[in-house]
PDB file of N, CA and C in Angstrom:
ATOM      1  N   MET A   1      45.570 -43.198-182.857  1.00  0.00           N
ATOM      2  CA  MET A   1      46.128 -44.413-182.300  1.00  0.00           C
ATOM      3  C   MET A   1      46.470 -45.403-183.414  1.00  0.00           C
ATOM      4  N   ILE A   2      45.590 -45.593-184.354  1.00  0.00           N
ATOM      5  CA  ILE A   2      45.864 -46.506-185.455  1.00  0.00           C
ATOM      6  C   ILE A   2      46.930 -45.923-186.371  1.00  0.00           C
ATOM      7  N   LYS A   3      46.893 -44.606-186.569  1.00  0.00           N
ATOM      8  CA  LYS A   3      47.900 -43.966-187.416  1.00  0.00           C
ATOM      9  C   LYS A   3      49.290 -44.099-186.811  1.00  0.00           C
ATOM     10  N   GLU A   4      49.392 -44.094-185.495  1.00  0.00           N
ATOM     11  CA  GLU A   4      50.687 -44.286-184.842  1.00  0.00           C
ATOM     12  C   GLU A   4      51.231 -45.687-185.104  1.00  0.00           C
ATOM     13  N   LYS A   5      50.360 -46.679-185.088  1.00  0.00           N
ATOM     14  CA  LYS A   5      50.790 -48.050-185.360  1.00  0.00           C
ATOM     15  C   LYS A   5      51.203 -48.204-186.815  1.00  0.00           C
ATOM     16  N   ILE A   6      50.465 -47.560-187.711  1.00  0.00           N
ATOM     17  CA  ILE A   6      50.830 -47.622-189.125  1.00  0.00           C
ATOM     18  C   ILE A   6      52.169 -46.950-189.342  1.00  0.00           C
ATOM     19  N   LYS A   7      52.402 -45.792-188.715  1.00  0.00           N
ATOM     20  CA  LYS A   7      53.683 -45.105-188.844  1.00  0.00           C
ATOM     21  C   LYS A   7      54.821 -45.942-188.277  1.00  0.00           C
ATOM     22  N   LYS A   8      54.519 -46.709-187.242  1.00  0.00           N
ATOM     23  CA  LYS A   8      55.544 -47.543-186.618  1.00  0.00           C
ATOM     24  C   LYS A   8      56.024 -48.645-187.559  1.00  0.00           C
ATOM     25  N   TYR A   9      55.126 -49.200-188.361  1.00  0.00           N
ATOM     26  CA  TYR A   9      55.469 -50.331-189.214  1.00  0.00           C
ATOM     27  C   TYR A   9      55.765 -49.965-190.659  1.00  0.00           C
ATOM     28  N   ILE A  10      55.505 -48.732-191.060  1.00  0.00           N
ATOM     29  CA  ILE A  10      55.682 -48.373-192.459  1.00  0.00           C
ATOM     30  C   ILE A  10      57.158 -48.356-192.857  1.00  0.00           C
ATOM     31  N   ARG A  11      58.033 -47.875-191.992  1.00  0.00           N
ATOM     32  CA  ARG A  11      59.459 -47.825-192.306  1.00  0.00           C
ATOM     33  C   ARG A  11      60.060 -49.219-192.513  1.00  0.00           C
ATOM     34  N   PRO A  12      59.849 -50.174-191.602  1.00  0.00           N
ATOM     35  CA  PRO A  12      60.391 -51.517-191.860  1.00  0.00           C
ATOM     36  C   PRO A  12      59.812 -52.179-193.109  1.00  0.00           C
ATOM     37  N   ILE A  13      58.541 -51.940-193.391  1.00  0.00           N
ATOM     38  CA  ILE A  13      57.932 -52.530-194.585  1.00  0.00           C
ATOM     39  C   ILE A  13      58.569 -51.959-195.839  1.00  0.00           C
ATOM     40  N   ILE A  14      58.747 -50.646-195.877  1.00  0.00           N
ATOM     41  CA  ILE A  14      59.349 -50.013-197.056  1.00  0.00           C
ATOM     42  C   ILE A  14      60.790 -50.468-197.231  1.00  0.00           C
ATOM     43  N   PHE A  15      61.576 -50.485-196.163  1.00  0.00           N
ATOM     44  CA  PHE A  15      62.971 -50.910-196.256  1.00  0.00           C
ATOM     45  C   PHE A  15      63.069 -52.366-196.694  1.00  0.00           C
ATOM     46  N   THR A  16      62.174 -53.224-196.194  1.00  0.00           N
ATOM     47  CA  THR A  16      62.196 -54.627-196.577  1.00  0.00           C
ATOM     48  C   THR A  16      61.856 -54.800-198.054  1.00  0.00           C
ATOM     49  N   LEU A  17      60.839 -54.094-198.525  1.00  0.00           N
ATOM     50  CA  LEU A  17      60.469 -54.186-199.936  1.00  0.00           C
ATOM     51  C   LEU A  17      61.569 -53.648-200.852  1.00  0.00           C
ATOM     52  N   VAL A  18      62.175 -52.533-200.472  1.00  0.00           N
ATOM     53  CA  VAL A  18      63.270 -51.984-201.277  1.00  0.00           C
ATOM     54  C   VAL A  18      64.452 -52.951-201.284  1.00  0.00           C
ATOM     55  N   GLY A  19      64.745 -53.565-200.145  1.00  0.00           N
ATOM     56  CA  GLY A  19      65.817 -54.549-200.086  1.00  0.00           C
ATOM     57  C   GLY A  19      65.538 -55.746-200.967  1.00  0.00           C
ATOM     58  N   ALA A  20      64.292 -56.203-200.999  1.00  0.00           N
ATOM     59  CA  ALA A  20      63.939 -57.338-201.845  1.00  0.00           C
ATOM     60  C   ALA A  20      64.071 -56.985-203.325  1.00  0.00           C
ATOM     61  N   VAL A  21      63.673 -55.782-203.693  1.00  0.00           N
ATOM     62  CA  VAL A  21      63.825 -55.349-205.089  1.00  0.00           C
ATOM     63  C   VAL A  21      65.298 -55.243-205.459  1.00  0.00           C
ATOM     64  N   ILE A  22      66.109 -54.723-204.553  1.00  0.00           N
ATOM     65  CA  ILE A  22      67.550 -54.644-204.809  1.00  0.00           C
ATOM     66  C   ILE A  22      68.138 -56.050-204.952  1.00  0.00           C
ATOM     67  N   GLY A  23      67.661 -56.991-204.139  1.00  0.00           N
ATOM     68  CA  GLY A  23      68.113 -58.376-204.258  1.00  0.00           C
ATOM     69  C   GLY A  23      67.757 -58.986-205.596  1.00  0.00           C
ATOM     70  N   LEU A  24      66.555 -58.696-206.078  1.00  0.00           N
ATOM     71  CA  LEU A  24      66.147 -59.199-207.386  1.00  0.00           C
ATOM     72  C   LEU A  24      66.988 -58.577-208.500  1.00  0.00           C
ATOM     73  N   LEU A  25      67.230 -57.285-208.410  1.00  0.00           N
ATOM     74  CA  LEU A  25      68.058 -56.615-209.412  1.00  0.00           C
ATOM     75  C   LEU A  25      69.495 -57.132-209.370  1.00  0.00           C
ATOM     76  N   TYR A  26      69.994 -57.396-208.178  1.00  0.00           N
ATOM     77  CA  TYR A  26      71.347 -57.939-208.051  1.00  0.00           C
ATOM     78  C   TYR A  26      71.416 -59.323-208.701  1.00  0.00           C
ATOM     79  N   TYR A  27      70.400 -60.133-208.459  1.00  0.00           N
ATOM     80  CA  TYR A  27      70.361 -61.461-209.081  1.00  0.00           C
ATOM     81  C   TYR A  27      70.328 -61.346-210.602  1.00  0.00           C
ATOM     82  N   LYS A  28      69.520 -60.436-211.105  1.00  0.00           N
ATOM     83  CA  LYS A  28      69.335 -60.310-212.542  1.00  0.00           C
ATOM     84  C   LYS A  28      70.579 -59.778-213.246  1.00  0.00           C
ATOM     85  N   PHE A  29      71.231 -58.776-212.674  1.00  0.00           N
ATOM     86  CA  PHE A  29      72.335 -58.122-213.366  1.00  0.00           C
ATOM     87  C   PHE A  29      73.715 -58.638-212.966  1.00  0.00           C
ATOM     88  N   VAL A  30      73.884 -59.130-211.749  1.00  0.00           N
ATOM     89  CA  VAL A  30      75.186 -59.635-211.310  1.00  0.00           C
ATOM     90  C   VAL A  30      75.124 -61.151-211.192  1.00  0.00           C
ATOM     91  N   GLY A  31      74.287 -61.631-210.292  1.00  0.00           N
ATOM     92  CA  GLY A  31      73.991 -63.048-210.148  1.00  0.00           C
ATOM     93  C   GLY A  31      75.189 -63.963-210.025  1.00  0.00           C
ATOM     94  N   CYS A  32      74.926 -65.228-210.264  1.00  0.00           N
ATOM     95  CA  CYS A  32      75.944 -66.268-210.182  1.00  0.00           C
ATOM     96  C   CYS A  32      75.677 -67.252-211.316  1.00  0.00           C
ATOM     97  N   SER A  33      76.504 -67.219-212.304  1.00  0.00           N
ATOM     98  CA  SER A  33      76.253 -68.039-213.496  1.00  0.00           C
ATOM     99  C   SER A  33      76.518 -69.525-213.265  1.00  0.00           C
ATOM    100  N   THR A  34      77.362 -69.873-212.313  1.00  0.00           N
ATOM    101  CA  THR A  34      77.685 -71.279-212.096  1.00  0.00           C
ATOM    102  C   THR A  34      76.677 -71.983-211.199  1.00  0.00           C
ATOM    103  N   GLY A  35      75.927 -71.248-210.409  1.00  0.00           N
ATOM    104  CA  GLY A  35      74.953 -71.843-209.507  1.00  0.00           C
ATOM    105  C   GLY A  35      75.541 -72.300-208.189  1.00  0.00           C
ATOM    106  N   THR A  36      76.796 -71.992-207.926  1.00  0.00           N
ATOM    107  CA  THR A  36      77.426 -72.423-206.682  1.00  0.00           C
ATOM    108  C   THR A  36      77.300 -71.391-205.570  1.00  0.00           C
ATOM    109  N   CYS A  37      76.894 -70.183-205.895  1.00  0.00           N
ATOM    110  CA  CYS A  37      76.722 -69.139-204.885  1.00  0.00           C
ATOM    111  C   CYS A  37      75.398 -69.376-204.165  1.00  0.00           C
ATOM    112  N   VAL A  38      75.444 -69.447-202.865  1.00  0.00           N
ATOM    113  CA  VAL A  38      74.256 -69.786-202.088  1.00  0.00           C
ATOM    114  C   VAL A  38      73.199 -68.693-202.174  1.00  0.00           C
ATOM    115  N   ILE A  39      73.603 -67.450-202.029  1.00  0.00           N
ATOM    116  CA  ILE A  39      72.633 -66.356-201.977  1.00  0.00           C
ATOM    117  C   ILE A  39      72.187 -65.926-203.366  1.00  0.00           C
ATOM    118  N   THR A  40      73.106 -65.778-204.294  1.00  0.00           N
ATOM    119  CA  THR A  40      72.775 -65.197-205.587  1.00  0.00           C
ATOM    120  C   THR A  40      72.480 -66.224-206.674  1.00  0.00           C
ATOM    121  N   SER A  41      72.375 -67.502-206.330  1.00  0.00           N
ATOM    122  CA  SER A  41      72.121 -68.509-207.361  1.00  0.00           C
ATOM    123  C   SER A  41      70.651 -68.591-207.763  1.00  0.00           C
ATOM    124  N   ASN A  42      69.732 -68.151-206.908  1.00  0.00           N
ATOM    125  CA  ASN A  42      68.325 -68.086-207.304  1.00  0.00           C
ATOM    126  C   ASN A  42      67.700 -66.792-206.781  1.00  0.00           C
ATOM    127  N   PRO A  43      66.669 -66.299-207.441  1.00  0.00           N
ATOM    128  CA  PRO A  43      66.124 -64.985-207.093  1.00  0.00           C
ATOM    129  C   PRO A  43      65.437 -64.941-205.731  1.00  0.00           C
ATOM    130  N   ILE A  44      64.848 -66.053-205.304  1.00  0.00           N
ATOM    131  CA  ILE A  44      64.135 -66.057-204.023  1.00  0.00           C
ATOM    132  C   ILE A  44      65.101 -65.859-202.860  1.00  0.00           C
ATOM    133  N   SER A  45      66.206 -66.597-202.850  1.00  0.00           N
ATOM    134  CA  SER A  45      67.157 -66.448-201.749  1.00  0.00           C
ATOM    135  C   SER A  45      67.818 -65.077-201.770  1.00  0.00           C
ATOM    136  N   SER A  46      68.072 -64.553-202.944  1.00  0.00           N
ATOM    137  CA  SER A  46      68.649 -63.221-203.048  1.00  0.00           C
ATOM    138  C   SER A  46      67.683 -62.162-202.523  1.00  0.00           C
ATOM    139  N   MET A  47      66.411 -62.296-202.865  1.00  0.00           N
ATOM    140  CA  MET A  47      65.412 -61.341-202.396  1.00  0.00           C
ATOM    141  C   MET A  47      65.198 -61.456-200.881  1.00  0.00           C
ATOM    142  N   LEU A  48      65.168 -62.678-200.364  1.00  0.00           N
ATOM    143  CA  LEU A  48      64.995 -62.861-198.923  1.00  0.00           C
ATOM    144  C   LEU A  48      66.168 -62.284-198.136  1.00  0.00           C
ATOM    145  N   TYR A  49      67.367 -62.539-198.622  1.00  0.00           N
ATOM    146  CA  TYR A  49      68.552 -62.056-197.931  1.00  0.00           C
ATOM    147  C   TYR A  49      68.586 -60.526-197.920  1.00  0.00           C
ATOM    148  N   MET A  50      68.396 -59.912-199.074  1.00  0.00           N
ATOM    149  CA  MET A  50      68.453 -58.453-199.141  1.00  0.00           C
ATOM    150  C   MET A  50      67.250 -57.821-198.442  1.00  0.00           C
ATOM    151  N   GLY A  51      66.108 -58.490-198.432  1.00  0.00           N
ATOM    152  CA  GLY A  51      64.960 -58.010-197.665  1.00  0.00           C
ATOM    153  C   GLY A  51      65.256 -58.008-196.177  1.00  0.00           C
ATOM    154  N   LEU A  52      65.947 -59.038-195.705  1.00  0.00           N
ATOM    155  CA  LEU A  52      66.348 -59.097-194.305  1.00  0.00           C
ATOM    156  C   LEU A  52      67.334 -57.976-193.981  1.00  0.00           C
ATOM    157  N   VAL A  53      68.275 -57.739-194.874  1.00  0.00           N
ATOM    158  CA  VAL A  53      69.223 -56.645-194.677  1.00  0.00           C
ATOM    159  C   VAL A  53      68.479 -55.310-194.634  1.00  0.00           C
ATOM    160  N   GLY A  54      67.512 -55.123-195.519  1.00  0.00           N
ATOM    161  CA  GLY A  54      66.710 -53.907-195.516  1.00  0.00           C
ATOM    162  C   GLY A  54      65.931 -53.746-194.226  1.00  0.00           C
ATOM    163  N   PHE A  55      65.361 -54.844-193.738  1.00  0.00           N
ATOM    164  CA  PHE A  55      64.624 -54.789-192.472  1.00  0.00           C
ATOM    165  C   PHE A  55      65.532 -54.395-191.319  1.00  0.00           C
ATOM    166  N   LEU A  56      66.718 -54.974-191.279  1.00  0.00           N
ATOM    167  CA  LEU A  56      67.652 -54.642-190.208  1.00  0.00           C
ATOM    168  C   LEU A  56      68.121 -53.194-190.312  1.00  0.00           C
ATOM    169  N   LEU A  57      68.307 -52.705-191.518  1.00  0.00           N
ATOM    170  CA  LEU A  57      68.718 -51.310-191.690  1.00  0.00           C
ATOM    171  C   LEU A  57      67.609 -50.336-191.317  1.00  0.00           C
ATOM    172  N   SER A  58      66.372 -50.760-191.372  1.00  0.00           N
ATOM    173  CA  SER A  58      65.279 -49.862-191.000  1.00  0.00           C
ATOM    174  C   SER A  58      65.363 -49.484-189.525  1.00  0.00           C
ATOM    175  N   GLY A  59      65.892 -50.357-188.699  1.00  0.00           N
ATOM    176  CA  GLY A  59      66.058 -50.040-187.284  1.00  0.00           C
ATOM    177  C   GLY A  59      67.241 -49.151-187.013  1.00  0.00           C
ATOM    178  N   VAL A  60      68.231 -49.167-187.889  1.00  0.00           N
ATOM    179  CA  VAL A  60      69.418 -48.335-187.707  1.00  0.00           C
ATOM    180  C   VAL A  60      69.081 -46.869-187.910  1.00  0.00           C
ATOM    181  N   PHE A  61      68.209 -46.594-188.867  1.00  0.00           N
ATOM    182  CA  PHE A  61      67.853 -45.222-189.185  1.00  0.00           C
ATOM    183  C   PHE A  61      66.601 -44.768-188.442  1.00  0.00           C
ATOM    184  N   CYS A  62      66.327 -45.383-187.319  1.00  0.00           N
ATOM    185  CA  CYS A  62      65.133 -45.086-186.532  1.00  0.00           C
ATOM    186  C   CYS A  62      65.292 -43.772-185.772  1.00  0.00           C
ATOM    187  N   LYS A  63      64.266 -42.946-185.825  1.00  0.00           N
ATOM    188  CA  LYS A  63      64.261 -41.702-185.061  1.00  0.00           C
ATOM    189  C   LYS A  63      63.528 -41.876-183.734  1.00  0.00           C
ATOM    190  N   GLY A  64      62.857 -42.979-183.554  1.00  0.00           N
ATOM    191  CA  GLY A  64      62.012 -43.179-182.391  1.00  0.00           C
ATOM    192  C   GLY A  64      62.735 -43.365-181.081  1.00  0.00           C
ATOM    193  N   CYS A  65      64.001 -43.684-181.112  1.00  0.00           N
ATOM    194  CA  CYS A  65      64.734 -43.927-179.864  1.00  0.00           C
ATOM    195  C   CYS A  65      64.977 -42.635-179.093  1.00  0.00           C
ATOM    196  N   GLY A  66      65.284 -41.574-179.795  1.00  0.00           N
ATOM    197  CA  GLY A  66      65.522 -40.303-179.137  1.00  0.00           C
ATOM    198  C   GLY A  66      66.746 -40.323-178.220  1.00  0.00           C
ATOM    199  N   GLY A  67      67.710 -41.165-178.521  1.00  0.00           N
ATOM    200  CA  GLY A  67      68.928 -41.232-177.709  1.00  0.00           C
ATOM    201  C   GLY A  67      68.793 -42.096-176.482  1.00  0.00           C
ATOM    202  N   THR A  68      67.698 -42.814-176.348  1.00  0.00           N
ATOM    203  CA  THR A  68      67.489 -43.639-175.159  1.00  0.00           C
ATOM    204  C   THR A  68      67.622 -45.121-175.438  1.00  0.00           C
ATOM    205  N   CYS A  69      68.184 -45.492-176.587  1.00  0.00           N
ATOM    206  CA  CYS A  69      68.354 -46.910-176.914  1.00  0.00           C
ATOM    207  C   CYS A  69      69.390 -47.534-176.004  1.00  0.00           C
ATOM    208  N   ASN A  70      69.154 -48.738-175.599  1.00  0.00           N
ATOM    209  CA  ASN A  70      70.071 -49.454-174.708  1.00  0.00           C
ATOM    210  C   ASN A  70      70.946 -50.390-175.500  1.00  0.00           C
ATOM    211  N   MET A  71      71.866 -49.845-176.250  1.00  0.00           N
ATOM    212  CA  MET A  71      72.758 -50.682-177.044  1.00  0.00           C
ATOM    213  C   MET A  71      74.151 -50.584-176.501  1.00  0.00           C
TER     214      MET A  71
END
C-alpha cells in the first residue's frame, strides 16, 4: 500500500527535478544578459518555470490511465 503511493508520486517528483535542473542549465548557458527576460533573467524563476513544465509533462506520459482518461 505504501509502495503504491510512492510509485504514484515518484514520476512527478523526478520530472519536476529534471525540469528544474534543465531550467538552471538553460539560465547558465543561454540566459538573458540584459535582464529584461522575465523567465530567464534569474535562476530561480527559470528553475520554477521549467520544474512546472516537467511536472505537467509527467502527467502526459502517465501509464496509469489505461485509456480511461476523461480528456
